[in-house]
PDB file of all heavy atoms in Angstrom:
ATOM      1  N   ILE A   1      -7.205   7.159   8.110  1.00  0.00           N
ATOM      2  CA  ILE A   1      -5.932   7.699   8.598  1.00  0.00           C
ATOM      3  C   ILE A   1      -5.613   9.017   7.901  1.00  0.00           C
ATOM      4  O   ILE A   1      -5.213   9.993   8.536  1.00  0.00           O
ATOM      5  CB  ILE A   1      -4.796   6.683   8.381  1.00  0.00           C
ATOM      6  CG1 ILE A   1      -4.989   5.461   9.290  1.00  0.00           C
ATOM      7  CG2 ILE A   1      -3.430   7.319   8.645  1.00  0.00           C
ATOM      8  CD1 ILE A   1      -4.087   4.291   8.944  1.00  0.00           C
ATOM      9  N   ARG A   2      -5.830   9.058   6.589  1.00  0.00           N
ATOM     10  CA  ARG A   2      -5.457  10.254   5.818  1.00  0.00           C
ATOM     11  C   ARG A   2      -6.350  11.463   6.112  1.00  0.00           C
ATOM     12  O   ARG A   2      -5.994  12.583   5.762  1.00  0.00           O
ATOM     13  CB  ARG A   2      -5.463   9.943   4.321  1.00  0.00           C
ATOM     14  CG  ARG A   2      -4.215   9.203   3.869  1.00  0.00           C
ATOM     15  CD  ARG A   2      -2.968  10.098   3.946  1.00  0.00           C
ATOM     16  NE  ARG A   2      -1.738   9.347   3.663  1.00  0.00           N
ATOM     17  CZ  ARG A   2      -0.869   8.979   4.574  1.00  0.00           C
ATOM     18  NH1 ARG A   2      -1.078   9.277   5.853  1.00  0.00           N
ATOM     19  NH2 ARG A   2       0.222   8.324   4.259  1.00  0.00           N
ATOM     20  N   THR A   3      -7.492  11.266   6.753  1.00  0.00           N
ATOM     21  CA  THR A   3      -8.307  12.422   7.122  1.00  0.00           C
ATOM     22  C   THR A   3      -7.672  13.221   8.251  1.00  0.00           C
ATOM     23  O   THR A   3      -7.990  14.390   8.434  1.00  0.00           O
ATOM     24  CB  THR A   3      -9.723  11.999   7.560  1.00  0.00           C
ATOM     25  OG1 THR A   3      -9.637  11.162   8.728  1.00  0.00           O
ATOM     26  CG2 THR A   3     -10.446  11.251   6.446  1.00  0.00           C
ATOM     27  N   LYS A   4      -6.754  12.575   9.005  1.00  0.00           N
ATOM     28  CA  LYS A   4      -6.180  13.241  10.173  1.00  0.00           C
ATOM     29  C   LYS A   4      -4.659  13.182  10.240  1.00  0.00           C
ATOM     30  O   LYS A   4      -4.058  13.871  11.062  1.00  0.00           O
ATOM     31  CB  LYS A   4      -6.748  12.626  11.457  1.00  0.00           C
ATOM     32  CG  LYS A   4      -8.251  12.788  11.609  1.00  0.00           C
ATOM     33  CD  LYS A   4      -8.736  12.176  12.911  1.00  0.00           C
ATOM     34  CE  LYS A   4     -10.237  12.360  13.075  1.00  0.00           C
ATOM     35  NZ  LYS A   4     -10.737  11.745  14.337  1.00  0.00           N
ATOM     36  N   SER A   5      -4.020  12.368   9.414  1.00  0.00           N
ATOM     37  CA  SER A   5      -2.583  12.163   9.580  1.00  0.00           C
ATOM     38  C   SER A   5      -1.887  11.950   8.242  1.00  0.00           C
ATOM     39  O   SER A   5      -2.457  11.368   7.314  1.00  0.00           O
ATOM     40  CB  SER A   5      -2.334  10.943  10.473  1.00  0.00           C
ATOM     41  OG  SER A   5      -0.954  10.618  10.538  1.00  0.00           O
ATOM     42  N   THR A   6      -0.632  12.426   8.160  1.00  0.00           N
ATOM     43  CA  THR A   6       0.212  12.174   6.985  1.00  0.00           C
ATOM     44  C   THR A   6       1.306  11.160   7.316  1.00  0.00           C
ATOM     45  O   THR A   6       2.309  11.078   6.610  1.00  0.00           O
ATOM     46  CB  THR A   6       0.866  13.477   6.485  1.00  0.00           C
ATOM     47  OG1 THR A   6       1.647  14.057   7.541  1.00  0.00           O
ATOM     48  CG2 THR A   6      -0.175  14.476   6.015  1.00  0.00           C
ATOM     49  N   MET A   7       1.121  10.385   8.381  1.00  0.00           N
ATOM     50  CA  MET A   7       2.121   9.384   8.744  1.00  0.00           C
ATOM     51  C   MET A   7       2.369   8.439   7.571  1.00  0.00           C
ATOM     52  O   MET A   7       1.465   8.164   6.772  1.00  0.00           O
ATOM     53  CB  MET A   7       1.658   8.576   9.964  1.00  0.00           C
ATOM     54  CG  MET A   7       0.526   7.598   9.675  1.00  0.00           C
ATOM     55  SD  MET A   7       0.021   6.612  11.108  1.00  0.00           S
ATOM     56  CE  MET A   7       1.514   5.670  11.419  1.00  0.00           C
ATOM     57  N   PRO A   8       3.597   7.930   7.424  1.00  0.00           N
ATOM     58  CA  PRO A   8       3.873   6.985   6.341  1.00  0.00           C
ATOM     59  C   PRO A   8       3.025   5.726   6.461  1.00  0.00           C
ATOM     60  O   PRO A   8       2.860   5.181   7.560  1.00  0.00           O
ATOM     61  CB  PRO A   8       5.355   6.659   6.525  1.00  0.00           C
ATOM     62  CG  PRO A   8       5.917   7.806   7.280  1.00  0.00           C
ATOM     63  CD  PRO A   8       4.815   8.264   8.189  1.00  0.00           C
ATOM     64  N   VAL A   9       2.476   5.286   5.342  1.00  0.00           N
ATOM     65  CA  VAL A   9       1.659   4.069   5.299  1.00  0.00           C
ATOM     66  C   VAL A   9       2.125   3.208   4.143  1.00  0.00           C
ATOM     67  O   VAL A   9       2.234   3.675   2.997  1.00  0.00           O
ATOM     68  CB  VAL A   9       0.163   4.392   5.135  1.00  0.00           C
ATOM     69  CG1 VAL A   9      -0.644   3.095   4.987  1.00  0.00           C
ATOM     70  CG2 VAL A   9      -0.358   5.198   6.324  1.00  0.00           C
ATOM     71  N   LEU A  10       2.404   1.944   4.440  1.00  0.00           N
ATOM     72  CA  LEU A  10       2.809   0.955   3.444  1.00  0.00           C
ATOM     73  C   LEU A  10       1.679  -0.065   3.323  1.00  0.00           C
ATOM     74  O   LEU A  10       1.219  -0.602   4.331  1.00  0.00           O
ATOM     75  CB  LEU A  10       4.106   0.272   3.886  1.00  0.00           C
ATOM     76  CG  LEU A  10       4.696  -0.810   2.988  1.00  0.00           C
ATOM     77  CD1 LEU A  10       5.127  -0.232   1.648  1.00  0.00           C
ATOM     78  CD2 LEU A  10       5.887  -1.473   3.675  1.00  0.00           C
ATOM     79  N   MET A  11       1.218  -0.319   2.101  1.00  0.00           N
ATOM     80  CA  MET A  11       0.117  -1.254   1.893  1.00  0.00           C
ATOM     81  C   MET A  11       0.633  -2.636   1.482  1.00  0.00           C
ATOM     82  O   MET A  11       1.598  -2.739   0.710  1.00  0.00           O
ATOM     83  CB  MET A  11      -0.818  -0.739   0.795  1.00  0.00           C
ATOM     84  CG  MET A  11      -1.411   0.634   1.042  1.00  0.00           C
ATOM     85  SD  MET A  11      -2.490   0.725   2.491  1.00  0.00           S
ATOM     86  CE  MET A  11      -3.855  -0.321   1.979  1.00  0.00           C
ATOM     87  N   LEU A  12      -0.014  -3.671   1.988  1.00  0.00           N
ATOM     88  CA  LEU A  12       0.236  -5.042   1.547  1.00  0.00           C
ATOM     89  C   LEU A  12      -0.894  -5.412   0.599  1.00  0.00           C
ATOM     90  O   LEU A  12      -2.062  -5.432   1.003  1.00  0.00           O
ATOM     91  CB  LEU A  12       0.270  -6.003   2.741  1.00  0.00           C
ATOM     92  CG  LEU A  12       1.383  -5.777   3.765  1.00  0.00           C
ATOM     93  CD1 LEU A  12       1.228  -6.757   4.933  1.00  0.00           C
ATOM     94  CD2 LEU A  12       2.754  -5.943   3.128  1.00  0.00           C
ATOM     95  N   THR A  13      -0.579  -5.662  -0.666  1.00  0.00           N
ATOM     96  CA  THR A  13      -1.611  -5.921  -1.667  1.00  0.00           C
ATOM     97  C   THR A  13      -1.427  -7.302  -2.274  1.00  0.00           C
ATOM     98  O   THR A  13      -0.335  -7.867  -2.252  1.00  0.00           O
ATOM     99  CB  THR A  13      -1.550  -4.877  -2.797  1.00  0.00           C
ATOM    100  OG1 THR A  13      -0.329  -5.034  -3.532  1.00  0.00           O
ATOM    101  CG2 THR A  13      -1.605  -3.462  -2.245  1.00  0.00           C
ATOM    102  N   ALA A  14      -2.522  -7.845  -2.827  1.00  0.00           N
ATOM    103  CA  ALA A  14      -2.433  -9.122  -3.527  1.00  0.00           C
ATOM    104  C   ALA A  14      -1.589  -8.945  -4.774  1.00  0.00           C
ATOM    105  O   ALA A  14      -1.702  -7.937  -5.473  1.00  0.00           O
ATOM    106  CB  ALA A  14      -3.826  -9.610  -3.894  1.00  0.00           C
ATOM    107  N   ARG A  15      -0.725  -9.888  -5.029  1.00  0.00           N
ATOM    108  CA  ARG A  15       0.155  -9.788  -6.192  1.00  0.00           C
ATOM    109  C   ARG A  15      -0.675  -9.702  -7.475  1.00  0.00           C
ATOM    110  O   ARG A  15      -1.579 -10.494  -7.697  1.00  0.00           O
ATOM    111  CB  ARG A  15       1.085 -11.006  -6.257  1.00  0.00           C
ATOM    112  CG  ARG A  15       2.167 -10.889  -7.325  1.00  0.00           C
ATOM    113  CD  ARG A  15       3.154 -12.041  -7.218  1.00  0.00           C
ATOM    114  NE  ARG A  15       3.882 -12.019  -5.961  1.00  0.00           N
ATOM    115  CZ  ARG A  15       4.959 -11.282  -5.722  1.00  0.00           C
ATOM    116  NH1 ARG A  15       5.418 -10.484  -6.662  1.00  0.00           N
ATOM    117  NH2 ARG A  15       5.569 -11.341  -4.553  1.00  0.00           N
ATOM    118  N   GLY A  16      -0.382  -8.702  -8.288  1.00  0.00           N
ATOM    119  CA  GLY A  16      -1.084  -8.545  -9.549  1.00  0.00           C
ATOM    120  C   GLY A  16      -2.380  -7.771  -9.449  1.00  0.00           C
ATOM    121  O   GLY A  16      -3.038  -7.536 -10.461  1.00  0.00           O
ATOM    122  N   ASP A  17      -2.787  -7.340  -8.234  1.00  0.00           N
ATOM    123  CA  ASP A  17      -4.037  -6.595  -8.077  1.00  0.00           C
ATOM    124  C   ASP A  17      -3.755  -5.103  -8.243  1.00  0.00           C
ATOM    125  O   ASP A  17      -3.536  -4.379  -7.281  1.00  0.00           O
ATOM    126  CB  ASP A  17      -4.651  -6.877  -6.702  1.00  0.00           C
ATOM    127  CG  ASP A  17      -6.089  -6.387  -6.619  1.00  0.00           C
ATOM    128  OD1 ASP A  17      -6.444  -5.489  -7.409  1.00  0.00           O
ATOM    129  OD2 ASP A  17      -6.844  -6.893  -5.776  1.00  0.00           O
ATOM    130  N   ASP A  18      -3.767  -4.658  -9.482  1.00  0.00           N
ATOM    131  CA  ASP A  18      -3.436  -3.262  -9.768  1.00  0.00           C
ATOM    132  C   ASP A  18      -4.489  -2.298  -9.237  1.00  0.00           C
ATOM    133  O   ASP A  18      -4.164  -1.158  -8.894  1.00  0.00           O
ATOM    134  CB  ASP A  18      -3.264  -3.052 -11.273  1.00  0.00           C
ATOM    135  CG  ASP A  18      -2.017  -3.721 -11.809  1.00  0.00           C
ATOM    136  OD1 ASP A  18      -1.079  -3.938 -11.016  1.00  0.00           O
ATOM    137  OD2 ASP A  18      -1.970  -4.047 -13.010  1.00  0.00           O
ATOM    138  N   THR A  19      -5.740  -2.725  -9.180  1.00  0.00           N
ATOM    139  CA  THR A  19      -6.810  -1.816  -8.748  1.00  0.00           C
ATOM    140  C   THR A  19      -6.599  -1.361  -7.317  1.00  0.00           C
ATOM    141  O   THR A  19      -6.570  -0.157  -7.026  1.00  0.00           O
ATOM    142  CB  THR A  19      -8.185  -2.493  -8.884  1.00  0.00           C
ATOM    143  OG1 THR A  19      -8.400  -2.862 -10.251  1.00  0.00           O
ATOM    144  CG2 THR A  19      -9.284  -1.535  -8.446  1.00  0.00           C
ATOM    145  N   ASP A  20      -6.438  -2.314  -6.384  1.00  0.00           N
ATOM    146  CA  ASP A  20      -6.210  -1.957  -4.979  1.00  0.00           C
ATOM    147  C   ASP A  20      -4.934  -1.150  -4.824  1.00  0.00           C
ATOM    148  O   ASP A  20      -4.855  -0.214  -4.026  1.00  0.00           O
ATOM    149  CB  ASP A  20      -6.121  -3.212  -4.112  1.00  0.00           C
ATOM    150  CG  ASP A  20      -7.490  -3.832  -3.846  1.00  0.00           C
ATOM    151  OD1 ASP A  20      -8.503  -3.113  -4.008  1.00  0.00           O
ATOM    152  OD2 ASP A  20      -7.546  -5.007  -3.489  1.00  0.00           O
ATOM    153  N   ARG A  21      -3.933  -1.501  -5.587  1.00  0.00           N
ATOM    154  CA  ARG A  21      -2.641  -0.831  -5.511  1.00  0.00           C
ATOM    155  C   ARG A  21      -2.777   0.642  -5.898  1.00  0.00           C
ATOM    156  O   ARG A  21      -2.326   1.544  -5.184  1.00  0.00           O
ATOM    157  CB  ARG A  21      -1.673  -1.537  -6.450  1.00  0.00           C
ATOM    158  CG  ARG A  21      -0.238  -1.141  -6.319  1.00  0.00           C
ATOM    159  CD  ARG A  21       0.600  -2.085  -7.158  1.00  0.00           C
ATOM    160  NE  ARG A  21       0.424  -3.466  -6.729  1.00  0.00           N
ATOM    161  CZ  ARG A  21       0.752  -4.534  -7.438  1.00  0.00           C
ATOM    162  NH1 ARG A  21       1.273  -4.380  -8.637  1.00  0.00           N
ATOM    163  NH2 ARG A  21       0.572  -5.742  -6.961  1.00  0.00           N
ATOM    164  N   ILE A  22      -3.432   0.896  -7.024  1.00  0.00           N
ATOM    165  CA  ILE A  22      -3.576   2.271  -7.509  1.00  0.00           C
ATOM    166  C   ILE A  22      -4.501   3.070  -6.607  1.00  0.00           C
ATOM    167  O   ILE A  22      -4.219   4.235  -6.293  1.00  0.00           O
ATOM    168  CB  ILE A  22      -4.083   2.268  -8.964  1.00  0.00           C
ATOM    169  CG1 ILE A  22      -2.985   1.719  -9.885  1.00  0.00           C
ATOM    170  CG2 ILE A  22      -4.488   3.668  -9.402  1.00  0.00           C
ATOM    171  CD1 ILE A  22      -3.425   1.484 -11.310  1.00  0.00           C
ATOM    172  N   VAL A  23      -5.596   2.466  -6.165  1.00  0.00           N
ATOM    173  CA  VAL A  23      -6.510   3.173  -5.254  1.00  0.00           C
ATOM    174  C   VAL A  23      -5.785   3.555  -3.971  1.00  0.00           C
ATOM    175  O   VAL A  23      -5.929   4.673  -3.462  1.00  0.00           O
ATOM    176  CB  VAL A  23      -7.753   2.304  -4.941  1.00  0.00           C
ATOM    177  CG1 VAL A  23      -8.565   2.925  -3.802  1.00  0.00           C
ATOM    178  CG2 VAL A  23      -8.628   2.163  -6.171  1.00  0.00           C
ATOM    179  N   GLY A  24      -4.979   2.647  -3.442  1.00  0.00           N
ATOM    180  CA  GLY A  24      -4.220   2.935  -2.228  1.00  0.00           C
ATOM    181  C   GLY A  24      -3.266   4.100  -2.419  1.00  0.00           C
ATOM    182  O   GLY A  24      -3.189   4.999  -1.577  1.00  0.00           O
ATOM    183  N   LEU A  25      -2.558   4.109  -3.542  1.00  0.00           N
ATOM    184  CA  LEU A  25      -1.630   5.206  -3.826  1.00  0.00           C
ATOM    185  C   LEU A  25      -2.378   6.518  -4.004  1.00  0.00           C
ATOM    186  O   LEU A  25      -1.937   7.573  -3.553  1.00  0.00           O
ATOM    187  CB  LEU A  25      -0.804   4.894  -5.074  1.00  0.00           C
ATOM    188  CG  LEU A  25       0.190   3.733  -4.956  1.00  0.00           C
ATOM    189  CD1 LEU A  25       0.787   3.401  -6.318  1.00  0.00           C
ATOM    190  CD2 LEU A  25       1.291   4.046  -3.956  1.00  0.00           C
ATOM    191  N   GLU A  26      -3.527   6.469  -4.665  1.00  0.00           N
ATOM    192  CA  GLU A  26      -4.316   7.684  -4.874  1.00  0.00           C
ATOM    193  C   GLU A  26      -4.838   8.248  -3.557  1.00  0.00           C
ATOM    194  O   GLU A  26      -5.011   9.465  -3.420  1.00  0.00           O
ATOM    195  CB  GLU A  26      -5.485   7.393  -5.817  1.00  0.00           C
ATOM    196  CG  GLU A  26      -5.063   7.175  -7.262  1.00  0.00           C
ATOM    197  CD  GLU A  26      -6.218   6.797  -8.163  1.00  0.00           C
ATOM    198  OE1 GLU A  26      -7.244   6.304  -7.655  1.00  0.00           O
ATOM    199  OE2 GLU A  26      -6.091   6.983  -9.385  1.00  0.00           O
ATOM    200  N   LEU A  27      -5.075   7.370  -2.588  1.00  0.00           N
ATOM    201  CA  LEU A  27      -5.563   7.824  -1.281  1.00  0.00           C
ATOM    202  C   LEU A  27      -4.435   8.285  -0.368  1.00  0.00           C
ATOM    203  O   LEU A  27      -4.687   8.770   0.731  1.00  0.00           O
ATOM    204  CB  LEU A  27      -6.352   6.707  -0.600  1.00  0.00           C
ATOM    205  CG  LEU A  27      -7.727   6.399  -1.191  1.00  0.00           C
ATOM    206  CD1 LEU A  27      -8.342   5.188  -0.508  1.00  0.00           C
ATOM    207  CD2 LEU A  27      -8.660   7.596  -1.066  1.00  0.00           C
ATOM    208  N   GLY A  28      -3.183   8.116  -0.816  1.00  0.00           N
ATOM    209  CA  GLY A  28      -2.073   8.638  -0.030  1.00  0.00           C
ATOM    210  C   GLY A  28      -1.156   7.607   0.580  1.00  0.00           C
ATOM    211  O   GLY A  28      -0.343   7.939   1.441  1.00  0.00           O
ATOM    212  N   ALA A  29      -1.246   6.329   0.141  1.00  0.00           N
ATOM    213  CA  ALA A  29      -0.268   5.348   0.607  1.00  0.00           C
ATOM    214  C   ALA A  29       1.107   5.738   0.068  1.00  0.00           C
ATOM    215  O   ALA A  29       1.234   6.252  -1.041  1.00  0.00           O
ATOM    216  CB  ALA A  29      -0.633   3.939   0.127  1.00  0.00           C
ATOM    217  N   ASP A  30       2.148   5.505   0.851  1.00  0.00           N
ATOM    218  CA  ASP A  30       3.498   5.861   0.429  1.00  0.00           C
ATOM    219  C   ASP A  30       4.087   4.844  -0.532  1.00  0.00           C
ATOM    220  O   ASP A  30       4.860   5.192  -1.410  1.00  0.00           O
ATOM    221  CB  ASP A  30       4.397   6.022   1.659  1.00  0.00           C
ATOM    222  CG  ASP A  30       4.012   7.245   2.460  1.00  0.00           C
ATOM    223  OD1 ASP A  30       4.503   8.332   2.140  1.00  0.00           O
ATOM    224  OD2 ASP A  30       3.193   7.122   3.389  1.00  0.00           O
ATOM    225  N   ASP A  31       3.717   3.594  -0.357  1.00  0.00           N
ATOM    226  CA  ASP A  31       4.206   2.554  -1.254  1.00  0.00           C
ATOM    227  C   ASP A  31       3.414   1.290  -0.960  1.00  0.00           C
ATOM    228  O   ASP A  31       2.538   1.271  -0.084  1.00  0.00           O
ATOM    229  CB  ASP A  31       5.709   2.326  -1.054  1.00  0.00           C
ATOM    230  CG  ASP A  31       6.390   1.754  -2.300  1.00  0.00           C
ATOM    231  OD1 ASP A  31       5.679   1.433  -3.278  1.00  0.00           O
ATOM    232  OD2 ASP A  31       7.623   1.622  -2.287  1.00  0.00           O
ATOM    233  N   TYR A  32       3.713   0.229  -1.674  1.00  0.00           N
ATOM    234  CA  TYR A  32       3.031  -1.042  -1.475  1.00  0.00           C
ATOM    235  C   TYR A  32       4.033  -2.172  -1.604  1.00  0.00           C
ATOM    236  O   TYR A  32       5.096  -2.030  -2.213  1.00  0.00           O
ATOM    237  CB  TYR A  32       1.908  -1.214  -2.499  1.00  0.00           C
ATOM    238  CG  TYR A  32       2.430  -1.321  -3.911  1.00  0.00           C
ATOM    239  CD1 TYR A  32       2.790  -2.554  -4.454  1.00  0.00           C
ATOM    240  CD2 TYR A  32       2.593  -0.181  -4.695  1.00  0.00           C
ATOM    241  CE1 TYR A  32       3.303  -2.644  -5.728  1.00  0.00           C
ATOM    242  CE2 TYR A  32       3.113  -0.268  -5.978  1.00  0.00           C
ATOM    243  CZ  TYR A  32       3.447  -1.498  -6.490  1.00  0.00           C
ATOM    244  OH  TYR A  32       3.976  -1.595  -7.749  1.00  0.00           O
ATOM    245  N   VAL A  33       3.691  -3.315  -1.010  1.00  0.00           N
ATOM    246  CA  VAL A  33       4.460  -4.543  -1.193  1.00  0.00           C
ATOM    247  C   VAL A  33       3.466  -5.632  -1.566  1.00  0.00           C
ATOM    248  O   VAL A  33       2.497  -5.861  -0.832  1.00  0.00           O
ATOM    249  CB  VAL A  33       5.213  -4.946   0.097  1.00  0.00           C
ATOM    250  CG1 VAL A  33       5.911  -6.285  -0.098  1.00  0.00           C
ATOM    251  CG2 VAL A  33       6.222  -3.891   0.481  1.00  0.00           C
ATOM    252  N   PRO A  34       3.649  -6.287  -2.705  1.00  0.00           N
ATOM    253  CA  PRO A  34       2.717  -7.359  -3.082  1.00  0.00           C
ATOM    254  C   PRO A  34       2.927  -8.605  -2.228  1.00  0.00           C
ATOM    255  O   PRO A  34       4.062  -8.966  -1.910  1.00  0.00           O
ATOM    256  CB  PRO A  34       3.050  -7.618  -4.559  1.00  0.00           C
ATOM    257  CG  PRO A  34       4.446  -7.122  -4.738  1.00  0.00           C
ATOM    258  CD  PRO A  34       4.652  -6.015  -3.755  1.00  0.00           C
ATOM    259  N   LYS A  35       1.813  -9.248  -1.834  1.00  0.00           N
ATOM    260  CA  LYS A  35       1.885 -10.501  -1.088  1.00  0.00           C
ATOM    261  C   LYS A  35       1.786 -11.662  -2.068  1.00  0.00           C
ATOM    262  O   LYS A  35       1.104 -11.550  -3.084  1.00  0.00           O
ATOM    263  CB  LYS A  35       0.739 -10.570  -0.066  1.00  0.00           C
ATOM    264  CG  LYS A  35       0.833  -9.529   1.034  1.00  0.00           C
ATOM    265  CD  LYS A  35      -0.398  -9.517   1.929  1.00  0.00           C
ATOM    266  CE  LYS A  35      -0.479 -10.753   2.796  1.00  0.00           C
ATOM    267  NZ  LYS A  35      -1.620 -10.666   3.734  1.00  0.00           N
ATOM    268  N   PRO A  36       2.422 -12.810  -1.749  1.00  0.00           N
ATOM    269  CA  PRO A  36       3.223 -13.023  -0.535  1.00  0.00           C
ATOM    270  C   PRO A  36       4.570 -12.305  -0.627  1.00  0.00           C
ATOM    271  O   PRO A  36       5.176 -12.246  -1.693  1.00  0.00           O
ATOM    272  CB  PRO A  36       3.419 -14.538  -0.515  1.00  0.00           C
ATOM    273  CG  PRO A  36       3.337 -14.947  -1.953  1.00  0.00           C
ATOM    274  CD  PRO A  36       2.356 -14.015  -2.601  1.00  0.00           C
ATOM    275  N   CYS A  37       4.995 -11.770   0.515  1.00  0.00           N
ATOM    276  CA  CYS A  37       6.280 -11.079   0.557  1.00  0.00           C
ATOM    277  C   CYS A  37       7.153 -11.715   1.628  1.00  0.00           C
ATOM    278  O   CYS A  37       6.651 -12.359   2.553  1.00  0.00           O
ATOM    279  CB  CYS A  37       6.086  -9.585   0.859  1.00  0.00           C
ATOM    280  SG  CYS A  37       5.402  -9.244   2.498  1.00  0.00           S
ATOM    281  N   THR A  38       8.435 -11.541   1.509  1.00  0.00           N
ATOM    282  CA  THR A  38       9.343 -12.062   2.518  1.00  0.00           C
ATOM    283  C   THR A  38       9.523 -11.008   3.612  1.00  0.00           C
ATOM    284  O   THR A  38       9.417  -9.800   3.351  1.00  0.00           O
ATOM    285  CB  THR A  38      10.718 -12.394   1.911  1.00  0.00           C
ATOM    286  OG1 THR A  38      11.332 -11.170   1.460  1.00  0.00           O
ATOM    287  CG2 THR A  38      10.573 -13.354   0.742  1.00  0.00           C
ATOM    288  N   PRO A  39       9.790 -11.427   4.839  1.00  0.00           N
ATOM    289  CA  PRO A  39      10.062 -10.456   5.907  1.00  0.00           C
ATOM    290  C   PRO A  39      11.216  -9.529   5.559  1.00  0.00           C
ATOM    291  O   PRO A  39      11.187  -8.346   5.889  1.00  0.00           O
ATOM    292  CB  PRO A  39      10.411 -11.346   7.099  1.00  0.00           C
ATOM    293  CG  PRO A  39       9.738 -12.641   6.831  1.00  0.00           C
ATOM    294  CD  PRO A  39       9.800 -12.809   5.346  1.00  0.00           C
ATOM    295  N   ARG A  40      12.220 -10.035   4.860  1.00  0.00           N
ATOM    296  CA  ARG A  40      13.363  -9.207   4.485  1.00  0.00           C
ATOM    297  C   ARG A  40      12.940  -8.095   3.525  1.00  0.00           C
ATOM    298  O   ARG A  40      13.382  -6.955   3.641  1.00  0.00           O
ATOM    299  CB  ARG A  40      14.432 -10.092   3.841  1.00  0.00           C
ATOM    300  CG  ARG A  40      15.700  -9.339   3.476  1.00  0.00           C
ATOM    301  CD  ARG A  40      16.736 -10.296   2.912  1.00  0.00           C
ATOM    302  NE  ARG A  40      17.965  -9.597   2.565  1.00  0.00           N
ATOM    303  CZ  ARG A  40      19.042 -10.197   2.048  1.00  0.00           C
ATOM    304  NH1 ARG A  40      19.016 -11.514   1.840  1.00  0.00           N
ATOM    305  NH2 ARG A  40      20.115  -9.496   1.758  1.00  0.00           N
ATOM    306  N   GLU A  41      12.091  -8.437   2.558  1.00  0.00           N
ATOM    307  CA  GLU A  41      11.627  -7.437   1.599  1.00  0.00           C
ATOM    308  C   GLU A  41      10.814  -6.360   2.296  1.00  0.00           C
ATOM    309  O   GLU A  41      10.989  -5.163   2.041  1.00  0.00           O
ATOM    310  CB  GLU A  41      10.780  -8.105   0.508  1.00  0.00           C
ATOM    311  CG  GLU A  41      10.224  -7.126  -0.517  1.00  0.00           C
ATOM    312  CD  GLU A  41       9.302  -7.804  -1.521  1.00  0.00           C
ATOM    313  OE1 GLU A  41       8.971  -8.990  -1.328  1.00  0.00           O
ATOM    314  OE2 GLU A  41       8.911  -7.130  -2.486  1.00  0.00           O
TER     315      GLU A  41
END
């Protein structure tokens, strides 16, 4: 996505998985929500 677009991207990551979280942010994710997450969150 980031090769062609700057659209906002929110990542769903495993709770406590800092590696995927940081890699996602470094690649241009706007933010993350750790799973399991509530629909409200």
